[in-house]
Each structure stands twice: as C-alpha cells, then as structure tokens.
Amino acid sequence: MTNITGVILGGGQSRRMGTDKRRLLWEGEPFLDRVSRLMNALFDEVLVVTASEDYDCSHLRVRLVTDKILGKGSLGGVYTGLMEARNSLVFVVACDMPFLLKESITRVCLGAPSDVTVVRVSNRLQPLHARYSKQCIPVIKKMINAGDLKIQNLFSQSGLIINIIDEGIFDDIDPSRLSFNNINTPADLEFARKRGSQSSHL
C-alpha cells in the first residue's frame, strides 16, 4: 500500500502498566518492535510517534518523530502522524496491540474514500485501528486548541467524511476481535498471554 503511511503511537505514559509498554516482551520481542515489523510488511513508510526520542529505533525500518504538540494524548499523536506523513492517508495503531492482523489492517485501508475510516466493535469506534486523511489536520488542531482531546469526538466533527465499518467484515479472520485489543494493565497483559497461547497471530 504505497499511498498510505503506517503510524504507530508509542508515546504513552504507561501509568496503569507501571512500566514502559514499548519494551514489554511478547514472544521474546518488544511490543514496539513487533508492531513495527508487521507495519513494515504493509507500508513503504512507517512512522513511530513518541513524546521524546527515548527509544532506539535504529534497528527498525521506521522514522521516529516526536509530538508536534506535547501532552495531547492519542489525538496529538494522530495529528503528528498526519503532519509528518509523506502520503495523504495514514493508518494508525498503538504500540501495545499484540494481536494486530495484516488482513484486518488491509481491509480498513482499502475501505471507501473518506477522511476517516474506522471500525465499530461492540458499539464502540476504534480510533487506533483506523485510516485518516490529511483533511483531518485542521479539525484536530481546532479540537486541541479548544482543549478537547477525546479522540472519539473527532468522528462527530462537521466537515469530515466518516466511513464506519461494521465489525462483521472480520468474522472470517478475527471472530474474537483480538486484533483491536490493546494492553493497558498487568491484568490485560496476563489475559492477552493466555489468549495468545490459544491463537495464532502475526
């Protein structure tokens, strides 16, 4: 997919986990390295967005970029990815998603033309498994300036074309929707490892 840039958000504080999630090992590989490897298989350009240059990415085929506006959470990370990407479209994931699937990412990326293509899972939109266009940049900047950092609110902003994908299109490849899971706490990690022993991913 040469017209889309892959963006990995890796700048979270990991407060609930208590340790840097990027460096947590999954099958012997740090989370961030694992997600980077998968994204490299799909996109010619892959960006890792962090708050500061505190992760050595020299062994990865990615470009490390730092937040354009500090302290703005995932919304700020999407903004930075869109600003830095060479392509007009980006696909955004978080670094703590061990069950990402190439097939599910591809299906979202190949969705109908829109400013945002996002999946609804269990009646909740999934902003960190979504495709965004640069048309979102001024809208996100306006939200940030207004102090509205809830990324879910982007999908209700006027002037954007939002394409919502029903989760049913993943029934054949991800019936449990594991590819949308992220890891926030030690309990999440333990649960994911138990599920991982029962599943074949990446």
N, C-alpha and C. Protein backbone atom coordinates (compact mmCIF):
# COMPACT_ATOMS: atom_id res chain seq x y z
N MET A 1 0.85 -1.19 0.00
CA MET A 1 0.00 0.00 0.00
C MET A 1 0.89 1.24 0.00
N THR A 2 1.29 1.64 -1.18
CA THR A 2 2.29 2.70 -1.31
C THR A 2 1.71 4.09 -1.11
N ASN A 3 0.39 4.23 -1.07
CA ASN A 3 -0.21 5.56 -0.93
C ASN A 3 -0.66 5.84 0.50
N ILE A 4 -0.31 4.96 1.44
CA ILE A 4 -0.70 5.13 2.84
C ILE A 4 0.54 4.98 3.72
N THR A 5 0.65 5.84 4.71
CA THR A 5 1.73 5.76 5.69
C THR A 5 1.23 5.05 6.94
N GLY A 6 2.02 4.12 7.44
CA GLY A 6 1.70 3.47 8.70
C GLY A 6 2.21 4.31 9.86
N VAL A 7 1.37 4.53 10.85
CA VAL A 7 1.74 5.34 12.01
C VAL A 7 1.53 4.52 13.28
N ILE A 8 2.56 4.42 14.10
CA ILE A 8 2.50 3.71 15.37
C ILE A 8 2.62 4.73 16.50
N LEU A 9 1.63 4.78 17.36
CA LEU A 9 1.69 5.68 18.51
C LEU A 9 2.44 4.97 19.64
N GLY A 10 3.56 5.54 20.04
CA GLY A 10 4.38 4.91 21.07
C GLY A 10 4.78 5.86 22.17
N GLY A 11 3.96 6.86 22.42
CA GLY A 11 4.38 7.88 23.38
C GLY A 11 3.61 7.93 24.67
N GLY A 12 2.83 6.90 24.96
CA GLY A 12 2.02 6.91 26.17
C GLY A 12 2.86 6.84 27.44
N GLN A 13 2.25 7.26 28.55
CA GLN A 13 2.97 7.27 29.83
C GLN A 13 3.00 5.91 30.51
N SER A 14 2.14 4.99 30.09
CA SER A 14 2.09 3.63 30.66
C SER A 14 1.86 3.66 32.17
N ARG A 15 1.08 4.62 32.65
CA ARG A 15 0.88 4.74 34.10
C ARG A 15 0.21 3.51 34.68
N ARG A 16 -0.82 3.01 34.00
CA ARG A 16 -1.55 1.86 34.54
C ARG A 16 -0.75 0.57 34.47
N MET A 17 0.18 0.50 33.51
CA MET A 17 1.02 -0.69 33.40
C MET A 17 2.16 -0.64 34.42
N GLY A 18 2.67 0.55 34.71
CA GLY A 18 3.74 0.69 35.67
C GLY A 18 5.12 0.52 35.08
N THR A 19 5.20 0.26 33.78
CA THR A 19 6.48 0.13 33.09
C THR A 19 6.27 0.51 31.63
N ASP A 20 7.33 0.77 30.92
CA ASP A 20 7.25 1.18 29.52
C ASP A 20 6.70 0.04 28.66
N LYS A 21 5.48 0.23 28.14
CA LYS A 21 4.84 -0.85 27.37
C LYS A 21 5.61 -1.16 26.10
N ARG A 22 6.30 -0.19 25.55
CA ARG A 22 7.02 -0.42 24.29
C ARG A 22 8.06 -1.52 24.44
N ARG A 23 8.60 -1.67 25.64
CA ARG A 23 9.69 -2.62 25.88
C ARG A 23 9.20 -3.95 26.45
N LEU A 24 7.92 -4.07 26.72
CA LEU A 24 7.38 -5.35 27.19
C LEU A 24 7.57 -6.41 26.11
N LEU A 25 7.95 -7.59 26.53
CA LEU A 25 8.22 -8.66 25.57
C LEU A 25 6.97 -9.47 25.27
N TRP A 26 6.81 -9.75 23.99
CA TRP A 26 5.76 -10.65 23.53
C TRP A 26 6.42 -11.67 22.62
N GLU A 27 6.42 -12.90 23.03
CA GLU A 27 7.12 -13.96 22.31
C GLU A 27 8.58 -13.57 22.05
N GLY A 28 9.20 -12.98 23.08
CA GLY A 28 10.61 -12.64 23.03
C GLY A 28 10.96 -11.36 22.30
N GLU A 29 9.97 -10.60 21.88
CA GLU A 29 10.19 -9.39 21.09
C GLU A 29 9.47 -8.21 21.73
N PRO A 30 10.14 -7.05 21.85
CA PRO A 30 9.45 -5.89 22.42
C PRO A 30 8.19 -5.53 21.62
N PHE A 31 7.17 -5.07 22.33
CA PHE A 31 5.91 -4.71 21.68
C PHE A 31 6.13 -3.80 20.47
N LEU A 32 6.90 -2.73 20.68
CA LEU A 32 7.06 -1.76 19.60
C LEU A 32 7.77 -2.37 18.40
N ASP A 33 8.77 -3.20 18.65
CA ASP A 33 9.47 -3.86 17.54
C ASP A 33 8.53 -4.78 16.77
N ARG A 34 7.70 -5.49 17.49
CA ARG A 34 6.78 -6.43 16.88
C ARG A 34 5.78 -5.72 15.97
N VAL A 35 5.18 -4.65 16.50
CA VAL A 35 4.21 -3.89 15.69
C VAL A 35 4.91 -3.23 14.50
N SER A 36 6.12 -2.73 14.70
CA SER A 36 6.87 -2.12 13.60
C SER A 36 7.12 -3.12 12.49
N ARG A 37 7.48 -4.33 12.86
CA ARG A 37 7.74 -5.36 11.86
C ARG A 37 6.50 -5.65 11.02
N LEU A 38 5.37 -5.75 11.68
CA LEU A 38 4.13 -6.00 10.95
C LEU A 38 3.79 -4.84 10.02
N MET A 39 3.94 -3.61 10.52
CA MET A 39 3.61 -2.43 9.71
C MET A 39 4.56 -2.31 8.51
N ASN A 40 5.82 -2.69 8.70
CA ASN A 40 6.77 -2.66 7.59
C ASN A 40 6.37 -3.59 6.46
N ALA A 41 5.68 -4.67 6.81
CA ALA A 41 5.24 -5.62 5.79
C ALA A 41 4.09 -5.06 4.95
N LEU A 42 3.46 -3.99 5.42
CA LEU A 42 2.29 -3.44 4.75
C LEU A 42 2.51 -2.08 4.10
N PHE A 43 3.41 -1.28 4.69
CA PHE A 43 3.55 0.12 4.25
C PHE A 43 5.01 0.44 3.91
N ASP A 44 5.19 1.25 2.86
CA ASP A 44 6.53 1.68 2.49
C ASP A 44 7.11 2.67 3.50
N GLU A 45 6.23 3.49 4.07
CA GLU A 45 6.66 4.45 5.09
C GLU A 45 5.97 4.12 6.41
N VAL A 46 6.77 3.99 7.47
CA VAL A 46 6.22 3.75 8.80
C VAL A 46 6.83 4.77 9.76
N LEU A 47 5.97 5.46 10.49
CA LEU A 47 6.39 6.44 11.48
C LEU A 47 6.09 5.93 12.88
N VAL A 48 6.97 6.19 13.81
CA VAL A 48 6.72 5.94 15.23
C VAL A 48 6.66 7.30 15.90
N VAL A 49 5.51 7.62 16.50
CA VAL A 49 5.31 8.91 17.15
C VAL A 49 5.50 8.73 18.65
N THR A 50 6.44 9.49 19.22
CA THR A 50 6.70 9.43 20.65
C THR A 50 6.75 10.85 21.22
N ALA A 51 6.67 10.94 22.55
CA ALA A 51 6.75 12.25 23.20
C ALA A 51 8.18 12.80 23.13
N SER A 52 9.17 11.89 23.19
CA SER A 52 10.58 12.29 23.10
C SER A 52 11.36 11.15 22.47
N GLU A 53 12.58 11.44 22.06
CA GLU A 53 13.40 10.42 21.40
C GLU A 53 14.05 9.52 22.44
N ASP A 54 13.21 8.71 23.09
CA ASP A 54 13.69 7.88 24.20
C ASP A 54 13.61 6.39 23.89
N TYR A 55 13.52 6.05 22.62
CA TYR A 55 13.51 4.64 22.22
C TYR A 55 14.40 4.50 20.99
N ASP A 56 15.35 3.60 21.08
CA ASP A 56 16.29 3.38 19.98
C ASP A 56 15.60 2.59 18.87
N CYS A 57 15.36 3.27 17.75
CA CYS A 57 14.71 2.63 16.60
C CYS A 57 15.68 2.35 15.46
N SER A 58 16.98 2.42 15.74
CA SER A 58 17.97 2.29 14.67
C SER A 58 17.93 0.92 14.00
N HIS A 59 17.42 -0.08 14.71
CA HIS A 59 17.35 -1.45 14.16
C HIS A 59 16.04 -1.69 13.43
N LEU A 60 15.17 -0.70 13.40
CA LEU A 60 13.86 -0.84 12.77
C LEU A 60 13.76 0.01 11.52
N ARG A 61 12.95 -0.43 10.56
CA ARG A 61 12.74 0.35 9.33
C ARG A 61 11.58 1.32 9.55
N VAL A 62 11.82 2.27 10.46
CA VAL A 62 10.80 3.27 10.79
C VAL A 62 11.48 4.62 10.91
N ARG A 63 10.65 5.65 10.88
CA ARG A 63 11.15 7.01 11.15
C ARG A 63 10.54 7.47 12.47
N LEU A 64 11.40 7.78 13.43
CA LEU A 64 10.94 8.24 14.73
C LEU A 64 10.67 9.73 14.68
N VAL A 65 9.46 10.12 15.06
CA VAL A 65 9.10 11.54 15.10
C VAL A 65 8.53 11.86 16.48
N THR A 66 8.70 13.08 16.92
CA THR A 66 8.20 13.47 18.24
C THR A 66 6.97 14.36 18.10
N ASP A 67 6.16 14.35 19.14
CA ASP A 67 4.89 15.08 19.12
C ASP A 67 5.08 16.54 18.73
N LYS A 68 4.26 16.99 17.80
CA LYS A 68 4.27 18.40 17.41
C LYS A 68 3.80 19.28 18.56
N ILE A 69 2.81 18.76 19.30
CA ILE A 69 2.28 19.48 20.45
C ILE A 69 2.29 18.50 21.62
N LEU A 70 3.08 18.76 22.64
CA LEU A 70 3.27 17.81 23.72
C LEU A 70 2.02 17.68 24.60
N GLY A 71 1.85 16.49 25.15
CA GLY A 71 0.83 16.27 26.17
C GLY A 71 -0.59 16.24 25.67
N LYS A 72 -0.80 15.86 24.40
CA LYS A 72 -2.15 15.86 23.85
C LYS A 72 -2.68 14.46 23.57
N GLY A 73 -2.05 13.46 24.15
CA GLY A 73 -2.56 12.10 24.08
C GLY A 73 -2.59 11.53 22.68
N SER A 74 -3.51 10.57 22.49
CA SER A 74 -3.61 9.89 21.20
C SER A 74 -4.01 10.85 20.09
N LEU A 75 -4.87 11.81 20.40
CA LEU A 75 -5.28 12.78 19.38
C LEU A 75 -4.08 13.56 18.87
N GLY A 76 -3.21 13.97 19.79
CA GLY A 76 -1.99 14.66 19.39
C GLY A 76 -1.06 13.77 18.59
N GLY A 77 -1.04 12.47 18.90
CA GLY A 77 -0.22 11.54 18.14
C GLY A 77 -0.71 11.38 16.72
N VAL A 78 -2.03 11.30 16.54
CA VAL A 78 -2.60 11.22 15.19
C VAL A 78 -2.27 12.50 14.43
N TYR A 79 -2.39 13.63 15.09
CA TYR A 79 -2.07 14.93 14.46
C TYR A 79 -0.62 14.95 13.97
N THR A 80 0.30 14.51 14.82
CA THR A 80 1.71 14.48 14.44
C THR A 80 1.95 13.54 13.27
N GLY A 81 1.34 12.36 13.32
CA GLY A 81 1.49 11.40 12.23
C GLY A 81 1.02 11.97 10.91
N LEU A 82 -0.13 12.63 10.93
CA LEU A 82 -0.66 13.24 9.71
C LEU A 82 0.24 14.35 9.20
N MET A 83 0.78 15.15 10.10
CA MET A 83 1.66 16.25 9.71
C MET A 83 2.96 15.74 9.10
N GLU A 84 3.48 14.64 9.64
CA GLU A 84 4.80 14.14 9.22
C GLU A 84 4.74 13.19 8.03
N ALA A 85 3.59 12.61 7.75
CA ALA A 85 3.50 11.58 6.70
C ALA A 85 3.71 12.19 5.32
N ARG A 86 4.39 11.43 4.47
CA ARG A 86 4.57 11.85 3.08
C ARG A 86 3.30 11.62 2.27
N ASN A 87 2.50 10.67 2.68
CA ASN A 87 1.26 10.34 1.97
C ASN A 87 0.07 11.11 2.53
N SER A 88 -0.99 11.17 1.74
CA SER A 88 -2.18 11.90 2.17
C SER A 88 -3.05 11.10 3.11
N LEU A 89 -2.78 9.79 3.22
CA LEU A 89 -3.53 8.92 4.12
C LEU A 89 -2.57 8.25 5.10
N VAL A 90 -3.05 8.02 6.33
CA VAL A 90 -2.26 7.27 7.31
C VAL A 90 -3.16 6.21 7.94
N PHE A 91 -2.55 5.11 8.33
CA PHE A 91 -3.24 4.11 9.13
C PHE A 91 -2.58 4.10 10.49
N VAL A 92 -3.38 4.28 11.54
CA VAL A 92 -2.84 4.48 12.89
C VAL A 92 -3.14 3.28 13.78
N VAL A 93 -2.09 2.82 14.49
CA VAL A 93 -2.25 1.80 15.52
C VAL A 93 -1.46 2.25 16.75
N ALA A 94 -1.70 1.57 17.87
CA ALA A 94 -0.90 1.78 19.07
C ALA A 94 0.18 0.70 19.14
N CYS A 95 1.22 0.97 19.93
CA CYS A 95 2.34 0.02 20.01
C CYS A 95 2.01 -1.19 20.88
N ASP A 96 0.89 -1.12 21.63
CA ASP A 96 0.58 -2.18 22.59
C ASP A 96 -0.58 -3.06 22.13
N MET A 97 -0.55 -3.44 20.84
CA MET A 97 -1.61 -4.25 20.25
C MET A 97 -0.99 -5.54 19.70
N PRO A 98 -0.79 -6.54 20.53
CA PRO A 98 -0.04 -7.73 20.12
C PRO A 98 -0.75 -8.63 19.12
N PHE A 99 -2.07 -8.46 18.96
CA PHE A 99 -2.82 -9.35 18.08
C PHE A 99 -3.17 -8.71 16.74
N LEU A 100 -2.49 -7.63 16.39
CA LEU A 100 -2.77 -7.00 15.10
C LEU A 100 -2.64 -8.02 13.96
N LEU A 101 -3.52 -7.89 12.99
CA LEU A 101 -3.51 -8.78 11.83
C LEU A 101 -3.33 -7.97 10.55
N LYS A 102 -2.45 -8.45 9.69
CA LYS A 102 -2.26 -7.78 8.40
C LYS A 102 -3.56 -7.71 7.63
N GLU A 103 -4.34 -8.78 7.69
CA GLU A 103 -5.59 -8.84 6.92
C GLU A 103 -6.61 -7.81 7.39
N SER A 104 -6.73 -7.62 8.70
CA SER A 104 -7.70 -6.65 9.19
C SER A 104 -7.27 -5.22 8.87
N ILE A 105 -5.97 -4.95 8.97
CA ILE A 105 -5.46 -3.62 8.61
C ILE A 105 -5.73 -3.35 7.13
N THR A 106 -5.45 -4.34 6.30
CA THR A 106 -5.66 -4.15 4.86
C THR A 106 -7.11 -3.86 4.53
N ARG A 107 -8.03 -4.53 5.18
CA ARG A 107 -9.45 -4.31 4.89
C ARG A 107 -9.87 -2.89 5.25
N VAL A 108 -9.34 -2.35 6.34
CA VAL A 108 -9.66 -0.97 6.71
C VAL A 108 -9.03 0.00 5.71
N CYS A 109 -7.79 -0.25 5.36
CA CYS A 109 -7.08 0.66 4.44
C CYS A 109 -7.73 0.70 3.06
N LEU A 110 -8.33 -0.39 2.64
CA LEU A 110 -8.94 -0.45 1.32
C LEU A 110 -10.42 -0.07 1.34
N GLY A 111 -10.86 0.51 2.45
CA GLY A 111 -12.25 0.96 2.56
C GLY A 111 -12.54 2.12 1.62
N ALA A 112 -13.79 2.48 1.53
CA ALA A 112 -14.24 3.56 0.63
C ALA A 112 -13.52 4.87 0.95
N PRO A 113 -13.33 5.73 -0.07
CA PRO A 113 -12.70 7.04 0.16
C PRO A 113 -13.42 7.82 1.26
N SER A 114 -12.64 8.39 2.17
CA SER A 114 -13.22 9.14 3.29
C SER A 114 -12.09 9.89 3.99
N ASP A 115 -12.48 10.77 4.91
CA ASP A 115 -11.48 11.44 5.75
C ASP A 115 -11.08 10.56 6.92
N VAL A 116 -12.02 9.75 7.40
CA VAL A 116 -11.74 8.77 8.44
C VAL A 116 -12.46 7.47 8.09
N THR A 117 -11.75 6.37 8.16
CA THR A 117 -12.38 5.05 8.06
C THR A 117 -12.09 4.33 9.36
N VAL A 118 -13.15 4.00 10.09
CA VAL A 118 -13.00 3.47 11.44
C VAL A 118 -13.98 2.31 11.63
N VAL A 119 -13.59 1.35 12.46
CA VAL A 119 -14.41 0.17 12.71
C VAL A 119 -15.20 0.34 14.00
N ARG A 120 -16.45 -0.10 13.98
CA ARG A 120 -17.24 -0.14 15.21
C ARG A 120 -17.24 -1.57 15.75
N VAL A 121 -16.72 -1.73 16.96
CA VAL A 121 -16.67 -3.04 17.62
C VAL A 121 -17.44 -2.94 18.93
N SER A 122 -18.44 -3.80 19.09
CA SER A 122 -19.29 -3.79 20.30
C SER A 122 -19.82 -2.38 20.57
N ASN A 123 -20.25 -1.73 19.50
CA ASN A 123 -20.87 -0.40 19.55
C ASN A 123 -19.89 0.69 19.96
N ARG A 124 -18.60 0.44 19.83
CA ARG A 124 -17.59 1.45 20.15
C ARG A 124 -16.63 1.58 18.97
N LEU A 125 -16.39 2.82 18.56
CA LEU A 125 -15.47 3.06 17.45
C LEU A 125 -14.03 2.85 17.91
N GLN A 126 -13.20 2.39 16.99
CA GLN A 126 -11.82 2.01 17.29
C GLN A 126 -10.83 2.97 16.63
N PRO A 127 -10.49 4.08 17.28
CA PRO A 127 -9.66 5.11 16.64
C PRO A 127 -8.21 4.71 16.42
N LEU A 128 -7.75 3.66 17.12
CA LEU A 128 -6.36 3.23 16.97
C LEU A 128 -6.24 1.97 16.14
N HIS A 129 -7.19 1.82 15.23
CA HIS A 129 -7.12 0.80 14.18
C HIS A 129 -7.90 1.40 13.02
N ALA A 130 -7.46 2.60 12.59
CA ALA A 130 -8.26 3.42 11.69
C ALA A 130 -7.39 4.15 10.67
N ARG A 131 -8.03 4.52 9.57
CA ARG A 131 -7.36 5.27 8.50
C ARG A 131 -7.83 6.73 8.53
N TYR A 132 -6.86 7.64 8.42
CA TYR A 132 -7.15 9.08 8.46
C TYR A 132 -6.55 9.77 7.24
N SER A 133 -7.19 10.85 6.78
CA SER A 133 -6.63 11.66 5.71
C SER A 133 -6.13 12.99 6.28
N LYS A 134 -5.30 13.66 5.51
CA LYS A 134 -4.78 14.96 5.95
C LYS A 134 -5.86 16.02 6.08
N GLN A 135 -7.06 15.74 5.56
CA GLN A 135 -8.17 16.66 5.77
C GLN A 135 -8.52 16.79 7.26
N CYS A 136 -8.08 15.85 8.05
CA CYS A 136 -8.35 15.88 9.49
C CYS A 136 -7.45 16.88 10.23
N ILE A 137 -6.36 17.30 9.62
CA ILE A 137 -5.37 18.12 10.34
C ILE A 137 -5.98 19.39 10.93
N PRO A 138 -6.66 20.25 10.14
CA PRO A 138 -7.20 21.48 10.74
C PRO A 138 -8.28 21.20 11.78
N VAL A 139 -9.03 20.12 11.58
CA VAL A 139 -10.09 19.78 12.54
C VAL A 139 -9.47 19.36 13.87
N ILE A 140 -8.44 18.52 13.81
CA ILE A 140 -7.77 18.08 15.04
C ILE A 140 -7.11 19.27 15.73
N LYS A 141 -6.47 20.12 14.95
CA LYS A 141 -5.82 21.31 15.55
C LYS A 141 -6.84 22.18 16.27
N LYS A 142 -8.01 22.33 15.69
CA LYS A 142 -9.07 23.12 16.34
C LYS A 142 -9.51 22.46 17.64
N MET A 143 -9.65 21.13 17.63
CA MET A 143 -10.02 20.41 18.86
C MET A 143 -8.96 20.60 19.93
N ILE A 144 -7.69 20.46 19.56
CA ILE A 144 -6.60 20.62 20.52
C ILE A 144 -6.61 22.03 21.11
N ASN A 145 -6.79 23.01 20.26
CA ASN A 145 -6.81 24.40 20.73
C ASN A 145 -7.97 24.65 21.70
N ALA A 146 -9.06 23.91 21.50
CA ALA A 146 -10.23 24.05 22.36
C ALA A 146 -10.13 23.19 23.62
N GLY A 147 -9.06 22.41 23.74
CA GLY A 147 -8.89 21.55 24.90
C GLY A 147 -9.68 20.27 24.85
N ASP A 148 -10.21 19.95 23.68
CA ASP A 148 -10.98 18.71 23.50
C ASP A 148 -10.04 17.64 22.97
N LEU A 149 -9.56 16.78 23.86
CA LEU A 149 -8.57 15.78 23.48
C LEU A 149 -9.16 14.39 23.34
N LYS A 150 -10.48 14.25 23.45
CA LYS A 150 -11.11 12.95 23.33
C LYS A 150 -11.17 12.56 21.85
N ILE A 151 -10.38 11.59 21.48
CA ILE A 151 -10.24 11.24 20.07
C ILE A 151 -11.57 10.77 19.48
N GLN A 152 -12.42 10.17 20.30
CA GLN A 152 -13.73 9.73 19.81
C GLN A 152 -14.56 10.91 19.28
N ASN A 153 -14.32 12.10 19.83
CA ASN A 153 -15.10 13.27 19.40
C ASN A 153 -14.75 13.72 17.98
N LEU A 154 -13.61 13.26 17.46
CA LEU A 154 -13.25 13.62 16.08
C LEU A 154 -14.29 13.11 15.10
N PHE A 155 -14.89 11.98 15.41
CA PHE A 155 -15.80 11.34 14.46
C PHE A 155 -17.15 12.05 14.34
N SER A 156 -17.40 13.01 15.21
CA SER A 156 -18.65 13.77 15.13
C SER A 156 -18.43 15.21 14.69
N GLN A 157 -17.20 15.51 14.27
CA GLN A 157 -16.91 16.87 13.82
C GLN A 157 -17.49 17.12 12.43
N SER A 158 -18.03 18.31 12.24
CA SER A 158 -18.60 18.66 10.94
C SER A 158 -17.49 18.87 9.92
N GLY A 159 -17.80 18.62 8.67
CA GLY A 159 -16.85 18.85 7.59
C GLY A 159 -15.99 17.66 7.24
N LEU A 160 -16.11 16.57 7.98
CA LEU A 160 -15.33 15.37 7.69
C LEU A 160 -16.25 14.27 7.17
N ILE A 161 -15.74 13.51 6.20
CA ILE A 161 -16.47 12.34 5.70
C ILE A 161 -16.01 11.13 6.52
N ILE A 162 -16.92 10.55 7.28
CA ILE A 162 -16.61 9.44 8.16
C ILE A 162 -17.20 8.15 7.61
N ASN A 163 -16.36 7.16 7.39
CA ASN A 163 -16.80 5.84 6.92
C ASN A 163 -16.67 4.86 8.08
N ILE A 164 -17.80 4.39 8.59
CA ILE A 164 -17.81 3.46 9.71
C ILE A 164 -18.01 2.04 9.17
N ILE A 165 -17.07 1.17 9.49
CA ILE A 165 -17.10 -0.21 9.02
C ILE A 165 -17.71 -1.09 10.11
N ASP A 166 -18.62 -1.96 9.72
CA ASP A 166 -19.20 -2.90 10.67
C ASP A 166 -18.22 -4.02 10.97
N GLU A 167 -18.12 -4.39 12.23
CA GLU A 167 -17.15 -5.41 12.64
C GLU A 167 -17.37 -6.77 11.99
N GLY A 168 -18.55 -6.99 11.44
CA GLY A 168 -18.86 -8.27 10.83
C GLY A 168 -17.94 -8.65 9.68
N ILE A 169 -17.29 -7.66 9.06
CA ILE A 169 -16.40 -7.99 7.94
C ILE A 169 -15.15 -8.75 8.39
N PHE A 170 -14.94 -8.82 9.71
CA PHE A 170 -13.78 -9.54 10.24
C PHE A 170 -14.13 -10.91 10.79
N ASP A 171 -15.37 -11.33 10.62
CA ASP A 171 -15.81 -12.61 11.19
C ASP A 171 -14.93 -13.79 10.74
N ASP A 172 -14.48 -13.74 9.49
CA ASP A 172 -13.73 -14.87 8.96
C ASP A 172 -12.28 -14.92 9.40
N ILE A 173 -11.72 -13.77 9.78
CA ILE A 173 -10.30 -13.73 10.13
C ILE A 173 -10.05 -13.44 11.60
N ASP A 174 -11.01 -12.81 12.27
CA ASP A 174 -10.82 -12.43 13.66
C ASP A 174 -12.16 -12.43 14.39
N PRO A 175 -12.75 -13.60 14.56
CA PRO A 175 -14.09 -13.67 15.17
C PRO A 175 -14.14 -13.12 16.60
N SER A 176 -13.02 -13.16 17.32
CA SER A 176 -12.98 -12.66 18.70
C SER A 176 -12.58 -11.19 18.77
N ARG A 177 -12.25 -10.60 17.63
CA ARG A 177 -11.85 -9.17 17.55
C ARG A 177 -10.58 -8.89 18.37
N LEU A 178 -9.71 -9.87 18.48
CA LEU A 178 -8.48 -9.68 19.25
C LEU A 178 -7.57 -8.62 18.63
N SER A 179 -7.66 -8.45 17.32
CA SER A 179 -6.76 -7.51 16.65
C SER A 179 -6.99 -6.06 17.10
N PHE A 180 -8.11 -5.80 17.77
CA PHE A 180 -8.41 -4.45 18.23
C PHE A 180 -8.02 -4.25 19.70
N ASN A 181 -7.53 -5.29 20.36
CA ASN A 181 -7.18 -5.21 21.78
C ASN A 181 -5.86 -4.49 22.00
N ASN A 182 -5.83 -3.66 23.02
CA ASN A 182 -4.55 -3.10 23.45
C ASN A 182 -4.34 -3.43 24.93
N ILE A 183 -3.11 -3.24 25.39
CA ILE A 183 -2.70 -3.69 26.72
C ILE A 183 -2.43 -2.47 27.59
N ASN A 184 -3.25 -2.29 28.63
CA ASN A 184 -3.09 -1.12 29.49
C ASN A 184 -2.60 -1.46 30.90
N THR A 185 -2.88 -2.67 31.37
CA THR A 185 -2.56 -3.04 32.75
C THR A 185 -1.87 -4.40 32.77
N PRO A 186 -1.21 -4.75 33.89
CA PRO A 186 -0.65 -6.09 34.01
C PRO A 186 -1.70 -7.18 33.84
N ALA A 187 -2.93 -6.91 34.31
CA ALA A 187 -4.01 -7.90 34.14
C ALA A 187 -4.34 -8.09 32.66
N ASP A 188 -4.34 -6.98 31.89
CA ASP A 188 -4.57 -7.08 30.45
C ASP A 188 -3.49 -7.95 29.80
N LEU A 189 -2.26 -7.75 30.23
CA LEU A 189 -1.14 -8.50 29.65
C LEU A 189 -1.26 -9.99 29.95
N GLU A 190 -1.62 -10.31 31.17
CA GLU A 190 -1.78 -11.71 31.56
C GLU A 190 -2.91 -12.36 30.77
N PHE A 191 -4.02 -11.64 30.63
CA PHE A 191 -5.15 -12.16 29.86
C PHE A 191 -4.76 -12.37 28.40
N ALA A 192 -4.03 -11.39 27.83
CA ALA A 192 -3.62 -11.49 26.43
C ALA A 192 -2.69 -12.68 26.22
N ARG A 193 -1.79 -12.92 27.17
CA ARG A 193 -0.87 -14.04 27.02
C ARG A 193 -1.61 -15.37 27.06
N LYS A 194 -2.65 -15.44 27.89
CA LYS A 194 -3.46 -16.66 27.92
C LYS A 194 -4.19 -16.85 26.60
N ARG A 195 -4.74 -15.75 26.07
CA ARG A 195 -5.43 -15.84 24.78
C ARG A 195 -4.45 -16.14 23.67
N GLY A 196 -3.25 -15.57 23.75
CA GLY A 196 -2.24 -15.78 22.72
C GLY A 196 -1.81 -17.22 22.61
N SER A 197 -1.82 -17.92 23.73
CA SER A 197 -1.45 -19.34 23.69
C SER A 197 -2.49 -20.19 22.97
N GLN A 198 -3.69 -19.60 22.80
CA GLN A 198 -4.77 -20.33 22.13
C GLN A 198 -4.96 -19.88 20.69
N SER A 199 -4.23 -18.83 20.27
CA SER A 199 -4.44 -18.25 18.95
C SER A 199 -3.14 -18.18 18.17
N SER A 200 -3.24 -18.06 16.87
CA SER A 200 -2.07 -17.90 16.00
C SER A 200 -2.17 -16.56 15.32
N HIS A 201 -1.28 -15.64 15.68
CA HIS A 201 -1.30 -14.29 15.12
C HIS A 201 0.10 -13.91 14.66
N LEU A 202 0.17 -12.92 13.80
CA LEU A 202 1.42 -12.43 13.22
C LEU A 202 2.21 -13.59 12.61
